[in-house]
Amino acid sequence: MNFETIIYEKKDAVAVITINREKQLNAINGQTSRDMQQAWEDFRDDPDMRVAILTGVGEKAFSTGMDLVATAQGENQFEGRPAPFGGFTKRMPIYKPIIAAINGYCLAGGLELALACDIRIATPEARFGLPEVRWAIMPGAGGTQRLPRAIPQAWANYLILTADQMDAETAMRVGLISHIVPREELMAKAHGIAAMICERGPLAVRTAKEAILRGQDMPLEHGLAYEDVLLSRLMATEDAKEGPRAFAEKRKPEYTGR
């Protein structure tokens, strides 16, 4: 597949999507969202792909969000039913793990992309924020919904309503990211986490992510009941038999995804 605004690579069981608009600080225009949607659909539907890594090209920005220059020139990414912003922030459930490797500014829609990922790691230089209200718009790609679920409400309210930013140390302290990694080690760390996930039972990983995502919208009692349904389904698989068997035999499990 050929893309105008992203780089899409697949190796072994890991897909890497790199936003490739360095001069625009990896801002997202309509073409970027369409390119990313196609890549995310390919990752979702490829049975050989088990983990994805999302990052941005260059040393300054993961993504600074919606391309406001394109917006000022008349582009409306939300008119009609276009691709979801960034291809997967809405209407694109993916139950395979996604890692955000945040290499700089992670602002506005860039932060919303990161919030749609499951694991977020960042360089010390990274900065996070939702500055939309500064420009008389609002976070519209999940920011008002995902950020309060990811960090304490007081911090989420502050970032959304003031358009202020936080540094990587603060983001780590409030739980927005899990690791701060030197820039030269960022992608190696992301691939290391991906490799760790790839060693786990693939059906178990996907089912656990489904339970997490769908359970967030349920009362606890309903979420626990849904967890039981998913667990029963998972325990009937060949992998769920192989895992305990390998443990008992003190060997590495050989999962087939069945």
C-alpha atoms as a PDB file:
ATOM      1  CA  MET A   1       0.000   0.000   0.000  1.00  0.00           C
ATOM      2  CA  ASN A   2       1.205   3.489  -0.872  1.00  0.00           C
ATOM      3  CA  PHE A   3       0.387   6.408   1.422  1.00  0.00           C
ATOM      4  CA  GLU A   4       0.858  10.158   1.080  1.00  0.00           C
ATOM      5  CA  THR A   5       1.114  11.132   4.726  1.00  0.00           C
ATOM      6  CA  ILE A   6       2.160   8.087   6.750  1.00  0.00           C
ATOM      7  CA  ILE A   7       4.708   5.288   6.701  1.00  0.00           C
ATOM      8  CA  TYR A   8       3.211   1.842   7.291  1.00  0.00           C
ATOM      9  CA  GLU A   9       5.564  -1.045   8.004  1.00  0.00           C
ATOM     10  CA  LYS A  10       4.951  -4.621   9.069  1.00  0.00           C
ATOM     11  CA  LYS A  11       7.618  -6.980  10.360  1.00  0.00           C
ATOM     12  CA  ASP A  12       7.003 -10.294  12.060  1.00  0.00           C
ATOM     13  CA  ALA A  13       3.870  -9.683  14.162  1.00  0.00           C
ATOM     14  CA  VAL A  14       4.343  -5.937  14.712  1.00  0.00           C
ATOM     15  CA  ALA A  15       2.973  -3.078  12.604  1.00  0.00           C
ATOM     16  CA  VAL A  16       4.418   0.452  12.841  1.00  0.00           C
ATOM     17  CA  ILE A  17       2.430   3.488  11.717  1.00  0.00           C
ATOM     18  CA  THR A  18       4.496   6.677  11.510  1.00  0.00           C
ATOM     19  CA  ILE A  19       2.819  10.010  10.813  1.00  0.00           C
ATOM     20  CA  ASN A  20       4.984  11.508   8.082  1.00  0.00           C
ATOM     21  CA  ARG A  21       4.332  15.255   7.997  1.00  0.00           C
ATOM     22  CA  GLU A  22       7.426  16.573   9.737  1.00  0.00           C
ATOM     23  CA  LYS A  23       7.170  20.141   8.374  1.00  0.00           C
ATOM     24  CA  GLN A  24       3.625  20.347   9.766  1.00  0.00           C
ATOM     25  CA  LEU A  25       4.728  18.864  13.114  1.00  0.00           C
ATOM     26  CA  ASN A  26       2.795  15.742  12.106  1.00  0.00           C
ATOM     27  CA  ALA A  27      -0.510  17.579  12.134  1.00  0.00           C
ATOM     28  CA  ILE A  28      -3.466  15.580  10.840  1.00  0.00           C
ATOM     29  CA  ASN A  29      -5.359  16.666   7.745  1.00  0.00           C
ATOM     30  CA  GLY A  30      -8.113  14.786   5.964  1.00  0.00           C
ATOM     31  CA  GLN A  31      -5.694  12.766   3.848  1.00  0.00           C
ATOM     32  CA  THR A  32      -3.784  11.692   6.949  1.00  0.00           C
ATOM     33  CA  SER A  33      -6.959  10.403   8.563  1.00  0.00           C
ATOM     34  CA  ARG A  34      -7.869   8.505   5.396  1.00  0.00           C
ATOM     35  CA  ASP A  35      -4.381   7.014   5.114  1.00  0.00           C
ATOM     36  CA  MET A  36      -4.393   6.028   8.759  1.00  0.00           C
ATOM     37  CA  GLN A  37      -7.846   4.489   8.543  1.00  0.00           C
ATOM     38  CA  GLN A  38      -6.678   2.236   5.720  1.00  0.00           C
ATOM     39  CA  ALA A  39      -3.574   1.229   7.690  1.00  0.00           C
ATOM     40  CA  TRP A  40      -5.527   0.581  10.882  1.00  0.00           C
ATOM     41  CA  GLU A  41      -8.042  -1.551   8.995  1.00  0.00           C
ATOM     42  CA  ASP A  42      -5.204  -3.573   7.500  1.00  0.00           C
ATOM     43  CA  PHE A  43      -3.621  -4.060  10.935  1.00  0.00           C
ATOM     44  CA  ARG A  44      -6.950  -5.021  12.475  1.00  0.00           C
ATOM     45  CA  ASP A  45      -7.785  -7.548   9.784  1.00  0.00           C
ATOM     46  CA  ASP A  46      -4.329  -9.107   9.261  1.00  0.00           C
ATOM     47  CA  PRO A  47      -4.237 -12.325  11.313  1.00  0.00           C
ATOM     48  CA  ASP A  48      -0.425 -12.222  11.399  1.00  0.00           C
ATOM     49  CA  MET A  49      -0.324  -8.798  13.098  1.00  0.00           C
ATOM     50  CA  ARG A  50      -0.547  -8.820  16.880  1.00  0.00           C
ATOM     51  CA  VAL A  51       0.682  -5.411  18.088  1.00  0.00           C
ATOM     52  CA  ALA A  52       0.924  -1.934  16.548  1.00  0.00           C
ATOM     53  CA  ILE A  53       3.195   0.999  17.365  1.00  0.00           C
ATOM     54  CA  LEU A  54       2.116   4.562  16.535  1.00  0.00           C
ATOM     55  CA  THR A  55       4.693   7.363  16.362  1.00  0.00           C
ATOM     56  CA  GLY A  56       5.598  10.507  14.443  1.00  0.00           C
ATOM     57  CA  VAL A  57       8.514  11.236  12.148  1.00  0.00           C
ATOM     58  CA  GLY A  58      11.247  13.619  13.254  1.00  0.00           C
ATOM     59  CA  GLU A  59      12.454  14.875  16.631  1.00  0.00           C
ATOM     60  CA  LYS A  60       9.906  17.577  17.477  1.00  0.00           C
ATOM     61  CA  ALA A  61       6.438  16.099  17.451  1.00  0.00           C
ATOM     62  CA  PHE A  62       4.427  12.947  17.857  1.00  0.00           C
ATOM     63  CA  SER A  63       1.502  14.971  16.504  1.00  0.00           C
ATOM     64  CA  THR A  64       0.162  18.459  17.117  1.00  0.00           C
ATOM     65  CA  GLY A  65      -3.373  17.416  16.216  1.00  0.00           C
ATOM     66  CA  MET A  66      -5.709  18.726  13.564  1.00  0.00           C
ATOM     67  CA  ASP A  67      -4.026  20.727  10.808  1.00  0.00           C
ATOM     68  CA  LEU A  68      -5.417  24.181  11.622  1.00  0.00           C
ATOM     69  CA  VAL A  69      -3.859  25.679   8.498  1.00  0.00           C
ATOM     70  CA  ALA A  70      -5.893  23.267   6.375  1.00  0.00           C
ATOM     71  CA  THR A  71      -8.927  24.053   8.526  1.00  0.00           C
ATOM     72  CA  ALA A  72      -8.456  27.796   8.025  1.00  0.00           C
ATOM     73  CA  GLN A  73      -8.282  27.155   4.276  1.00  0.00           C
ATOM     74  CA  GLY A  74     -11.696  25.514   4.339  1.00  0.00           C
ATOM     75  CA  GLU A  75     -11.075  21.834   5.042  1.00  0.00           C
ATOM     76  CA  ASN A  76     -13.659  20.333   7.392  1.00  0.00           C
ATOM     77  CA  GLN A  77     -12.607  16.886   8.549  1.00  0.00           C
ATOM     78  CA  PHE A  78     -15.898  16.366  10.353  1.00  0.00           C
ATOM     79  CA  GLU A  79     -18.286  17.151   7.501  1.00  0.00           C
ATOM     80  CA  GLY A  80     -20.481  14.262   6.392  1.00  0.00           C
ATOM     81  CA  ARG A  81     -19.090  10.892   7.483  1.00  0.00           C
ATOM     82  CA  PRO A  82     -15.360  11.026   6.742  1.00  0.00           C
ATOM     83  CA  ALA A  83     -12.655   8.794   8.153  1.00  0.00           C
ATOM     84  CA  PRO A  84     -12.466   9.069  11.955  1.00  0.00           C
ATOM     85  CA  PHE A  85      -9.827  11.551  13.077  1.00  0.00           C
ATOM     86  CA  GLY A  86      -6.509   9.735  12.846  1.00  0.00           C
ATOM     87  CA  GLY A  87      -8.350   6.786  11.375  1.00  0.00           C
ATOM     88  CA  PHE A  88      -9.289   5.080  14.631  1.00  0.00           C
ATOM     89  CA  THR A  89     -10.327   7.486  17.392  1.00  0.00           C
ATOM     90  CA  LYS A  90     -14.004   6.711  16.744  1.00  0.00           C
ATOM     91  CA  ARG A  91     -15.966   3.975  14.949  1.00  0.00           C
ATOM     92  CA  MET A  92     -12.881   1.735  14.775  1.00  0.00           C
ATOM     93  CA  PRO A  93     -12.768  -0.828  17.585  1.00  0.00           C
ATOM     94  CA  ILE A  94      -9.424  -2.631  17.543  1.00  0.00           C
ATOM     95  CA  TYR A  95      -8.863  -5.333  20.141  1.00  0.00           C
ATOM     96  CA  LYS A  96      -5.177  -5.787  19.367  1.00  0.00           C
ATOM     97  CA  PRO A  97      -2.803  -3.754  21.580  1.00  0.00           C
ATOM     98  CA  ILE A  98      -1.517  -0.402  20.313  1.00  0.00           C
ATOM     99  CA  ILE A  99       1.555   1.335  21.746  1.00  0.00           C
ATOM    100  CA  ALA A 100       2.058   5.101  21.397  1.00  0.00           C
ATOM    101  CA  ALA A 101       5.763   6.020  21.154  1.00  0.00           C
ATOM    102  CA  ILE A 102       5.566   9.748  21.872  1.00  0.00           C
ATOM    103  CA  ASN A 103       8.646  11.549  20.574  1.00  0.00           C
ATOM    104  CA  GLY A 104       7.794  15.214  21.196  1.00  0.00           C
ATOM    105  CA  TYR A 105       4.742  17.475  21.185  1.00  0.00           C
ATOM    106  CA  CYS A 106       1.589  15.446  21.841  1.00  0.00           C
ATOM    107  CA  LEU A 107      -1.078  18.097  21.597  1.00  0.00           C
ATOM    108  CA  ALA A 108      -4.762  18.409  20.693  1.00  0.00           C
ATOM    109  CA  GLY A 109      -5.658  15.594  18.329  1.00  0.00           C
ATOM    110  CA  GLY A 110      -2.169  14.191  18.865  1.00  0.00           C
ATOM    111  CA  LEU A 111      -3.014  13.579  22.504  1.00  0.00           C
ATOM    112  CA  GLU A 112      -6.371  12.163  21.434  1.00  0.00           C
ATOM    113  CA  LEU A 113      -4.538   9.689  19.189  1.00  0.00           C
ATOM    114  CA  ALA A 114      -2.314   8.696  22.102  1.00  0.00           C
ATOM    115  CA  LEU A 115      -5.342   8.304  24.376  1.00  0.00           C
ATOM    116  CA  ALA A 116      -6.840   5.868  21.869  1.00  0.00           C
ATOM    117  CA  CYS A 117      -3.733   3.694  22.315  1.00  0.00           C
ATOM    118  CA  ASP A 118      -3.358   1.174  25.129  1.00  0.00           C
ATOM    119  CA  ILE A 119       0.213   1.838  26.284  1.00  0.00           C
ATOM    120  CA  ARG A 120       1.918   5.230  26.136  1.00  0.00           C
ATOM    121  CA  ILE A 121       5.654   5.833  26.475  1.00  0.00           C
ATOM    122  CA  ALA A 122       7.384   9.154  25.886  1.00  0.00           C
ATOM    123  CA  THR A 123      10.691  10.978  25.679  1.00  0.00           C
ATOM    124  CA  PRO A 124      11.668  13.508  28.387  1.00  0.00           C
ATOM    125  CA  GLU A 125      11.013  16.329  25.895  1.00  0.00           C
ATOM    126  CA  ALA A 126       7.390  15.343  25.258  1.00  0.00           C
ATOM    127  CA  ARG A 127       4.639  17.795  26.148  1.00  0.00           C
ATOM    128  CA  PHE A 128       0.956  17.028  26.470  1.00  0.00           C
ATOM    129  CA  GLY A 129      -2.147  19.159  26.184  1.00  0.00           C
ATOM    130  CA  LEU A 130      -5.546  19.816  24.654  1.00  0.00           C
ATOM    131  CA  PRO A 131      -5.300  23.441  23.467  1.00  0.00           C
ATOM    132  CA  GLU A 132      -8.482  23.430  21.351  1.00  0.00           C
ATOM    133  CA  VAL A 133     -10.450  25.956  23.432  1.00  0.00           C
ATOM    134  CA  ARG A 134      -7.665  28.476  22.816  1.00  0.00           C
ATOM    135  CA  TRP A 135      -8.816  28.502  19.187  1.00  0.00           C
ATOM    136  CA  ALA A 136     -12.565  28.450  19.947  1.00  0.00           C
ATOM    137  CA  ILE A 137     -12.997  24.756  19.200  1.00  0.00           C
ATOM    138  CA  MET A 138     -13.107  21.741  21.530  1.00  0.00           C
ATOM    139  CA  PRO A 139     -11.463  18.330  21.678  1.00  0.00           C
ATOM    140  CA  GLY A 140     -13.557  16.353  19.221  1.00  0.00           C
ATOM    141  CA  ALA A 141     -11.702  13.068  18.754  1.00  0.00           C
ATOM    142  CA  GLY A 142     -12.327  11.568  22.149  1.00  0.00           C
ATOM    143  CA  GLY A 143     -10.373  13.951  24.366  1.00  0.00           C
ATOM    144  CA  THR A 144     -13.285  14.988  26.580  1.00  0.00           C
ATOM    145  CA  GLN A 145     -14.175  11.331  27.133  1.00  0.00           C
ATOM    146  CA  ARG A 146     -10.873   9.458  27.259  1.00  0.00           C
ATOM    147  CA  LEU A 147      -8.730  11.919  29.214  1.00  0.00           C
ATOM    148  CA  PRO A 148     -10.979  11.910  32.324  1.00  0.00           C
ATOM    149  CA  ARG A 149     -10.858   8.107  32.191  1.00  0.00           C
ATOM    150  CA  ALA A 150      -7.054   8.103  31.930  1.00  0.00           C
ATOM    151  CA  ILE A 151      -6.021  10.606  34.614  1.00  0.00           C
ATOM    152  CA  PRO A 152      -7.606  12.200  37.703  1.00  0.00           C
ATOM    153  CA  GLN A 153     -10.662  14.329  36.939  1.00  0.00           C
ATOM    154  CA  ALA A 154      -9.093  17.498  38.353  1.00  0.00           C
ATOM    155  CA  TRP A 155      -6.134  17.237  35.966  1.00  0.00           C
ATOM    156  CA  ALA A 156      -8.356  16.362  33.002  1.00  0.00           C
ATOM    157  CA  ASN A 157     -10.606  19.354  33.667  1.00  0.00           C
ATOM    158  CA  TYR A 158      -7.596  21.626  34.015  1.00  0.00           C
ATOM    159  CA  LEU A 159      -6.022  20.572  30.717  1.00  0.00           C
ATOM    160  CA  ILE A 160      -9.279  20.654  28.736  1.00  0.00           C
ATOM    161  CA  LEU A 161     -10.613  23.962  30.080  1.00  0.00           C
ATOM    162  CA  THR A 162      -7.382  25.992  30.287  1.00  0.00           C
ATOM    163  CA  ALA A 163      -5.556  24.709  27.164  1.00  0.00           C
ATOM    164  CA  ASP A 164      -2.417  24.515  29.320  1.00  0.00           C
ATOM    165  CA  GLN A 165       0.230  21.815  28.827  1.00  0.00           C
ATOM    166  CA  MET A 166       2.034  19.325  31.047  1.00  0.00           C
ATOM    167  CA  ASP A 167       5.553  17.964  30.751  1.00  0.00           C
ATOM    168  CA  ALA A 168       6.564  14.313  30.641  1.00  0.00           C
ATOM    169  CA  GLU A 169       7.388  14.121  34.357  1.00  0.00           C
ATOM    170  CA  THR A 170       3.926  15.380  35.271  1.00  0.00           C
ATOM    171  CA  ALA A 171       2.314  13.077  32.723  1.00  0.00           C
ATOM    172  CA  MET A 172       4.158  10.168  34.330  1.00  0.00           C
ATOM    173  CA  ARG A 173       3.126  11.245  37.813  1.00  0.00           C
ATOM    174  CA  VAL A 174      -0.598  11.469  36.983  1.00  0.00           C
ATOM    175  CA  GLY A 175      -0.586   8.186  35.048  1.00  0.00           C
ATOM    176  CA  LEU A 176      -0.964   9.453  31.491  1.00  0.00           C
ATOM    177  CA  ILE A 177       2.189   7.581  30.400  1.00  0.00           C
ATOM    178  CA  SER A 178       3.881   4.509  31.817  1.00  0.00           C
ATOM    179  CA  HIS A 179       7.539   5.135  30.911  1.00  0.00           C
ATOM    180  CA  ILE A 180       9.879   8.031  30.128  1.00  0.00           C
ATOM    181  CA  VAL A 181      12.569   6.851  27.723  1.00  0.00           C
ATOM    182  CA  PRO A 182      15.597   8.665  26.236  1.00  0.00           C
ATOM    183  CA  ARG A 183      14.879   9.697  22.661  1.00  0.00           C
ATOM    184  CA  GLU A 184      17.467   7.338  21.185  1.00  0.00           C
ATOM    185  CA  GLU A 185      15.889   4.402  23.053  1.00  0.00           C
ATOM    186  CA  LEU A 186      12.213   5.187  22.423  1.00  0.00           C
ATOM    187  CA  MET A 187      11.501   2.870  19.496  1.00  0.00           C
ATOM    188  CA  ALA A 188      13.623   0.086  20.975  1.00  0.00           C
ATOM    189  CA  LYS A 189      11.533   0.316  24.142  1.00  0.00           C
ATOM    190  CA  ALA A 190       8.301   0.272  22.120  1.00  0.00           C
ATOM    191  CA  HIS A 191       9.463  -2.773  20.173  1.00  0.00           C
ATOM    192  CA  GLY A 192      10.534  -4.417  23.417  1.00  0.00           C
ATOM    193  CA  ILE A 193       7.048  -3.997  24.873  1.00  0.00           C
ATOM    194  CA  ALA A 194       5.554  -5.253  21.600  1.00  0.00           C
ATOM    195  CA  ALA A 195       7.808  -8.319  21.706  1.00  0.00           C
ATOM    196  CA  MET A 196       6.740  -9.032  25.279  1.00  0.00           C
ATOM    197  CA  ILE A 197       3.067  -8.898  24.255  1.00  0.00           C
ATOM    198  CA  CYS A 198       3.744 -11.138  21.249  1.00  0.00           C
ATOM    199  CA  GLU A 199       4.989 -13.842  23.612  1.00  0.00           C
ATOM    200  CA  ARG A 200       1.651 -13.933  25.398  1.00  0.00           C
ATOM    201  CA  GLY A 201      -1.442 -15.819  24.324  1.00  0.00           C
ATOM    202  CA  PRO A 202      -2.817 -13.784  21.396  1.00  0.00           C
ATOM    203  CA  LEU A 203      -6.455 -14.648  22.047  1.00  0.00           C
ATOM    204  CA  ALA A 204      -6.024 -13.880  25.735  1.00  0.00           C
ATOM    205  CA  VAL A 205      -4.480 -10.471  24.975  1.00  0.00           C
ATOM    206  CA  ARG A 206      -7.263  -9.508  22.567  1.00  0.00           C
ATOM    207  CA  THR A 207      -9.996 -10.773  24.865  1.00  0.00           C
ATOM    208  CA  ALA A 208      -8.514  -8.899  27.831  1.00  0.00           C
ATOM    209  CA  LYS A 209      -8.416  -5.673  25.817  1.00  0.00           C
ATOM    210  CA  GLU A 210     -12.014  -6.201  24.724  1.00  0.00           C
ATOM    211  CA  ALA A 211     -13.016  -6.663  28.369  1.00  0.00           C
ATOM    212  CA  ILE A 212     -11.205  -3.459  29.340  1.00  0.00           C
ATOM    213  CA  LEU A 213     -12.696  -1.317  26.570  1.00  0.00           C
ATOM    214  CA  ARG A 214     -16.253  -2.592  26.695  1.00  0.00           C
ATOM    215  CA  GLY A 215     -16.314  -2.802  30.468  1.00  0.00           C
ATOM    216  CA  GLN A 216     -15.560   0.924  30.779  1.00  0.00           C
ATOM    217  CA  ASP A 217     -19.078   1.697  29.581  1.00  0.00           C
ATOM    218  CA  MET A 218     -20.772  -0.754  31.963  1.00  0.00           C
ATOM    219  CA  PRO A 219     -21.656  -0.666  35.651  1.00  0.00           C
ATOM    220  CA  LEU A 220     -19.253  -2.875  37.611  1.00  0.00           C
ATOM    221  CA  GLU A 221     -21.827  -5.651  38.035  1.00  0.00           C
ATOM    222  CA  HIS A 222     -22.447  -5.806  34.278  1.00  0.00           C
ATOM    223  CA  GLY A 223     -18.730  -5.622  33.537  1.00  0.00           C
ATOM    224  CA  LEU A 224     -18.038  -8.564  35.816  1.00  0.00           C
ATOM    225  CA  ALA A 225     -20.783 -10.568  34.122  1.00  0.00           C
ATOM    226  CA  TYR A 226     -19.373  -9.736  30.695  1.00  0.00           C
ATOM    227  CA  GLU A 227     -15.909 -10.732  31.898  1.00  0.00           C
ATOM    228  CA  ASP A 228     -17.346 -14.137  32.820  1.00  0.00           C
ATOM    229  CA  VAL A 229     -18.757 -14.531  29.298  1.00  0.00           C
ATOM    230  CA  LEU A 230     -15.418 -13.682  27.712  1.00  0.00           C
ATOM    231  CA  LEU A 231     -13.503 -15.936  30.096  1.00  0.00           C
ATOM    232  CA  SER A 232     -15.771 -18.896  29.328  1.00  0.00           C
ATOM    233  CA  ARG A 233     -15.255 -18.349  25.621  1.00  0.00           C
ATOM    234  CA  LEU A 234     -11.496 -18.057  26.044  1.00  0.00           C
ATOM    235  CA  MET A 235     -11.162 -21.158  28.226  1.00  0.00           C
ATOM    236  CA  ALA A 236     -12.598 -23.280  25.415  1.00  0.00           C
ATOM    237  CA  THR A 237      -9.678 -22.444  23.091  1.00  0.00           C
ATOM    238  CA  GLU A 238      -6.637 -24.564  22.325  1.00  0.00           C
ATOM    239  CA  ASP A 239      -4.336 -21.809  23.573  1.00  0.00           C
ATOM    240  CA  ALA A 240      -6.004 -21.825  26.996  1.00  0.00           C
ATOM    241  CA  LYS A 241      -5.148 -25.515  27.280  1.00  0.00           C
ATOM    242  CA  GLU A 242      -1.606 -25.048  25.969  1.00  0.00           C
ATOM    243  CA  GLY A 243      -0.726 -22.331  28.494  1.00  0.00           C
ATOM    244  CA  PRO A 244      -1.288 -24.351  31.698  1.00  0.00           C
ATOM    245  CA  ARG A 245       0.183 -27.438  30.027  1.00  0.00           C
ATOM    246  CA  ALA A 246       3.391 -25.557  29.185  1.00  0.00           C
ATOM    247  CA  PHE A 247       3.533 -24.200  32.743  1.00  0.00           C
ATOM    248  CA  ALA A 248       3.196 -27.698  34.187  1.00  0.00           C
ATOM    249  CA  GLU A 249       5.838 -29.066  31.808  1.00  0.00           C
ATOM    250  CA  LYS A 250       8.187 -26.130  32.502  1.00  0.00           C
ATOM    251  CA  ARG A 251       8.579 -25.139  28.852  1.00  0.00           C
ATOM    252  CA  LYS A 252       7.785 -22.169  26.638  1.00  0.00           C
ATOM    253  CA  PRO A 253       4.196 -22.295  25.370  1.00  0.00           C
ATOM    254  CA  GLU A 254       3.505 -22.654  21.662  1.00  0.00           C
ATOM    255  CA  TYR A 255       0.394 -20.620  20.935  1.00  0.00           C
ATOM    256  CA  THR A 256      -1.517 -20.952  17.669  1.00  0.00           C
ATOM    257  CA  GLY A 257      -4.228 -18.344  18.148  1.00  0.00           C
ATOM    258  CA  ARG A 258      -6.930 -20.990  18.184  1.00  0.00           C
END
